[in-house]
Amino acid sequence: MQRCRKACLDELAAPGKALFLGEGPGRMLAELAQRFPDMQCTIVDSSAAMISQCRATAEGIPGLADRCEWIRMDVFSWLAGAGVMQSGYDLVVTCFFLDCLDSPALDRLISGISSRVSPGAVWLVADFSLPERGPARWRARTVVGLLYVFFRFTAGLQTRGLANPTPHFVACGWHREARRELDWGLLVCEKWKKHNHCPVQ
């Protein structure tokens, strides 16, 4: 999974302000912070335990904690708040987060974030995926199905299957610039870029 997170990093320009959604213990935050030491970071996560671990990760990298803002809140509650309107993020990072959302929630999230990013912003996605056909798809369906069952019982996850975020990105004016597949297509990393001329729906 860490290889998946890092698969498109060499194609990123240095961001000024990055937004991390559901960052968990901070593995991607640490990786990007070491590559881009001037990056300002906002981390939104509903889990107090994950925020605590992410803070600990940041404190292990000189100067990083001073450049981070941690927000313990559900992302949709955060988006509904007035303070988020001041945002101007040029990088959005979601690692193994979009797969927790169904299609209506993906639409709300992607459209909400899209109206709050800078022109030409980049969205980096790392997630599980289902290949289109063949043995790779059968294998992925089995693995992903077991993961959803596990997290439904251990973490109360309501989503029951993978929803495809691609139509929502396209509808909100994002263009996919890169895609890397790992582990027979079970894991994917994608780089999306916001087109200035495309209206947000």
Protein backbone atom coordinates (compact mmCIF):
# COMPACT_ATOMS: atom_id res chain seq x y z
CA MET A 1 0.00 0.00 0.00
CA GLN A 2 2.88 2.38 0.66
CA ARG A 3 4.26 1.64 -2.81
CA CYS A 4 0.85 2.56 -4.17
CA ARG A 5 0.81 5.84 -2.24
CA LYS A 6 4.19 6.78 -3.70
CA ALA A 7 3.62 5.58 -7.27
CA CYS A 8 2.92 9.04 -8.80
CA LEU A 9 5.03 11.23 -6.53
CA ASP A 10 7.84 11.80 -9.01
CA GLU A 11 5.36 13.61 -11.26
CA LEU A 12 4.30 16.17 -8.65
CA ALA A 13 5.42 19.80 -8.65
CA ALA A 14 6.09 21.35 -5.26
CA PRO A 15 2.74 22.29 -3.67
CA GLY A 16 2.29 25.38 -1.56
CA LYS A 17 -0.74 24.20 0.38
CA ALA A 18 -1.88 20.58 0.66
CA LEU A 19 -5.07 19.04 2.00
CA PHE A 20 -5.00 15.50 3.38
CA LEU A 21 -8.33 13.74 3.92
CA GLY A 22 -8.44 10.63 6.10
CA GLU A 23 -4.65 10.60 6.30
CA GLY A 24 -4.52 8.07 9.12
CA PRO A 25 -1.12 7.73 10.83
CA GLY A 26 0.61 10.10 8.42
CA ARG A 27 2.61 7.91 6.05
CA MET A 28 1.84 10.01 2.98
CA LEU A 29 2.20 13.25 4.92
CA ALA A 30 5.71 12.23 5.95
CA GLU A 31 6.67 11.21 2.42
CA LEU A 32 5.48 14.46 0.86
CA ALA A 33 6.86 16.65 3.64
CA GLN A 34 10.35 15.29 3.11
CA ARG A 35 10.10 15.91 -0.62
CA PHE A 36 8.55 19.37 -0.26
CA PRO A 37 9.89 21.00 2.93
CA ASP A 38 7.96 24.27 2.43
CA MET A 39 4.55 22.66 2.01
CA GLN A 40 1.78 23.87 4.34
CA CYS A 41 -0.57 21.06 5.36
CA THR A 42 -4.16 20.68 6.53
CA ILE A 43 -5.13 17.23 7.78
CA VAL A 44 -8.82 16.40 8.23
CA ASP A 45 -9.70 13.13 9.99
CA SER A 46 -12.66 12.14 12.14
CA SER A 47 -10.59 9.76 14.30
CA ALA A 48 -8.90 11.12 17.41
CA ALA A 49 -6.53 8.14 17.42
CA MET A 50 -5.46 8.77 13.82
CA ILE A 51 -4.97 12.50 14.47
CA SER A 52 -2.78 11.61 17.45
CA GLN A 53 -0.68 9.19 15.40
CA CYS A 54 -0.39 11.69 12.56
CA ARG A 55 0.84 14.37 14.97
CA ALA A 56 3.44 11.95 16.32
CA THR A 57 4.62 11.22 12.78
CA ALA A 58 4.92 14.95 12.01
CA GLU A 59 6.84 15.62 15.19
CA GLY A 60 9.47 13.13 14.04
CA ILE A 61 10.29 15.30 11.01
CA PRO A 62 12.05 18.59 11.87
CA GLY A 63 9.81 21.60 11.29
CA LEU A 64 6.84 19.66 9.92
CA ALA A 65 4.52 19.99 12.91
CA ASP A 66 4.78 23.79 12.68
CA ARG A 67 3.47 23.63 9.11
CA CYS A 68 0.48 21.42 9.90
CA GLU A 69 -3.09 22.12 10.90
CA TRP A 70 -5.01 19.14 12.29
CA ILE A 71 -8.79 19.14 12.15
CA ARG A 72 -10.63 16.36 13.94
CA MET A 73 -13.94 16.40 12.09
CA ASP A 74 -15.98 14.46 9.59
CA VAL A 75 -15.01 15.78 6.16
CA PHE A 76 -18.59 16.65 5.22
CA SER A 77 -19.07 18.62 8.44
CA TRP A 78 -15.79 20.39 7.71
CA LEU A 79 -16.87 21.22 4.17
CA ALA A 80 -20.11 22.68 5.49
CA GLY A 81 -18.23 25.04 7.81
CA ALA A 82 -17.59 28.68 6.87
CA GLY A 83 -13.87 28.48 7.63
CA VAL A 84 -13.13 26.10 4.78
CA MET A 85 -14.15 28.79 2.29
CA GLN A 86 -10.79 30.47 2.95
CA SER A 87 -8.97 27.45 1.55
CA GLY A 88 -6.90 27.58 -1.62
CA TYR A 89 -5.30 24.15 -1.81
CA ASP A 90 -3.15 23.24 -4.78
CA LEU A 91 -2.78 19.58 -3.74
CA VAL A 92 -5.43 17.21 -2.38
CA VAL A 93 -4.38 13.79 -1.08
CA THR A 94 -6.75 10.89 -0.44
CA CYS A 95 -5.06 7.56 0.28
CA PHE A 96 -7.41 4.61 0.83
CA PHE A 97 -10.20 7.03 1.70
CA LEU A 98 -12.46 7.31 -1.34
CA ASP A 99 -13.13 3.57 -1.17
CA CYS A 100 -15.02 4.22 2.08
CA LEU A 101 -17.65 6.30 0.23
CA ASP A 102 -20.61 5.35 -1.93
CA SER A 103 -21.40 7.17 -5.17
CA PRO A 104 -23.60 9.96 -3.69
CA ALA A 105 -20.96 10.66 -1.04
CA LEU A 106 -18.22 10.73 -3.68
CA ASP A 107 -20.25 13.28 -5.61
CA ARG A 108 -20.64 15.48 -2.52
CA LEU A 109 -16.98 15.22 -1.59
CA ILE A 110 -15.44 15.77 -5.01
CA SER A 111 -17.74 18.65 -5.91
CA GLY A 112 -17.24 20.23 -2.49
CA ILE A 113 -13.47 20.04 -2.64
CA SER A 114 -13.37 21.08 -6.31
CA SER A 115 -14.88 24.46 -5.55
CA ARG A 116 -12.25 25.14 -2.90
CA VAL A 117 -8.96 24.40 -4.68
CA SER A 118 -6.57 26.69 -6.53
CA PRO A 119 -6.57 26.88 -10.35
CA GLY A 120 -4.65 23.92 -11.76
CA ALA A 121 -4.75 21.99 -8.48
CA VAL A 122 -3.68 18.34 -8.36
CA TRP A 123 -5.59 15.54 -6.61
CA LEU A 124 -3.57 12.45 -5.74
CA VAL A 125 -5.58 9.26 -5.17
CA ALA A 126 -4.37 5.88 -3.92
CA ASP A 127 -7.04 3.24 -3.54
CA PHE A 128 -8.29 -0.27 -4.14
CA SER A 129 -9.69 -0.99 -7.58
CA LEU A 130 -11.44 -3.69 -9.59
CA PRO A 131 -9.79 -4.54 -12.93
CA GLU A 132 -12.18 -4.67 -15.85
CA ARG A 133 -12.08 -8.39 -16.58
CA GLY A 134 -10.39 -11.76 -16.23
CA PRO A 135 -8.68 -13.50 -13.30
CA ALA A 136 -7.35 -10.20 -11.96
CA ARG A 137 -10.93 -8.96 -11.51
CA TRP A 138 -12.07 -12.18 -9.85
CA ARG A 139 -9.15 -12.01 -7.44
CA ALA A 140 -9.73 -8.33 -6.67
CA ARG A 141 -13.45 -8.85 -6.07
CA THR A 142 -12.66 -11.57 -3.53
CA VAL A 143 -10.04 -9.49 -1.69
CA VAL A 144 -12.09 -6.29 -1.70
CA GLY A 145 -15.24 -8.13 -0.65
CA LEU A 146 -13.47 -9.61 2.36
CA LEU A 147 -12.08 -6.19 3.30
CA TYR A 148 -15.54 -4.63 3.27
CA VAL A 149 -16.94 -7.41 5.44
CA PHE A 150 -14.04 -7.03 7.89
CA PHE A 151 -14.37 -3.25 8.21
CA ARG A 152 -18.17 -3.43 8.39
CA PHE A 153 -17.89 -5.49 11.57
CA THR A 154 -14.78 -3.93 13.10
CA ALA A 155 -15.22 -0.26 12.19
CA GLY A 156 -18.92 0.08 11.35
CA LEU A 157 -18.25 0.91 7.69
CA GLN A 158 -21.57 1.38 5.92
CA THR A 159 -20.32 1.26 2.33
CA ARG A 160 -20.79 -2.20 0.83
CA GLY A 161 -18.68 -2.02 -2.31
CA LEU A 162 -16.32 0.05 -4.40
CA ALA A 163 -17.87 3.03 -6.17
CA ASN A 164 -16.09 4.47 -9.19
CA PRO A 165 -14.90 8.04 -8.52
CA THR A 166 -13.90 8.71 -12.14
CA PRO A 167 -17.27 10.09 -13.38
CA HIS A 168 -17.39 12.46 -10.42
CA PHE A 169 -13.89 13.77 -11.09
CA VAL A 170 -14.68 14.30 -14.77
CA ALA A 171 -17.97 16.04 -14.00
CA CYS A 172 -16.17 18.45 -11.68
CA GLY A 173 -13.54 19.44 -14.22
CA TRP A 174 -10.65 17.12 -13.36
CA HIS A 175 -8.48 15.39 -15.95
CA ARG A 176 -6.52 12.24 -15.13
CA GLU A 177 -2.86 12.78 -15.99
CA ALA A 178 -1.36 9.56 -14.63
CA ARG A 179 -2.40 6.12 -13.45
CA ARG A 180 -0.25 3.37 -11.95
CA GLU A 181 -1.52 -0.12 -11.18
CA LEU A 182 -0.02 -2.50 -8.65
CA ASP A 183 -0.73 -6.05 -7.50
CA TRP A 184 -2.62 -7.17 -10.62
CA GLY A 185 -4.66 -3.96 -10.63
CA LEU A 186 -5.94 -4.41 -7.07
CA LEU A 187 -4.24 -1.14 -6.09
CA VAL A 188 -4.12 2.04 -8.16
CA CYS A 189 -2.52 5.44 -7.81
CA GLU A 190 -3.90 8.30 -9.92
CA LYS A 191 -2.96 11.91 -10.46
CA TRP A 192 -5.82 14.22 -11.43
CA LYS A 193 -5.49 17.88 -12.43
CA LYS A 194 -8.21 20.53 -12.25
CA HIS A 195 -8.97 22.23 -15.55
CA ASN A 196 -9.70 25.90 -15.06
CA HIS A 197 -12.18 26.06 -17.90
CA CYS A 198 -14.38 23.22 -16.66
CA PRO A 199 -17.30 24.30 -14.47
CA VAL A 200 -17.90 22.63 -11.13
CA GLN A 201 -21.32 21.01 -10.97
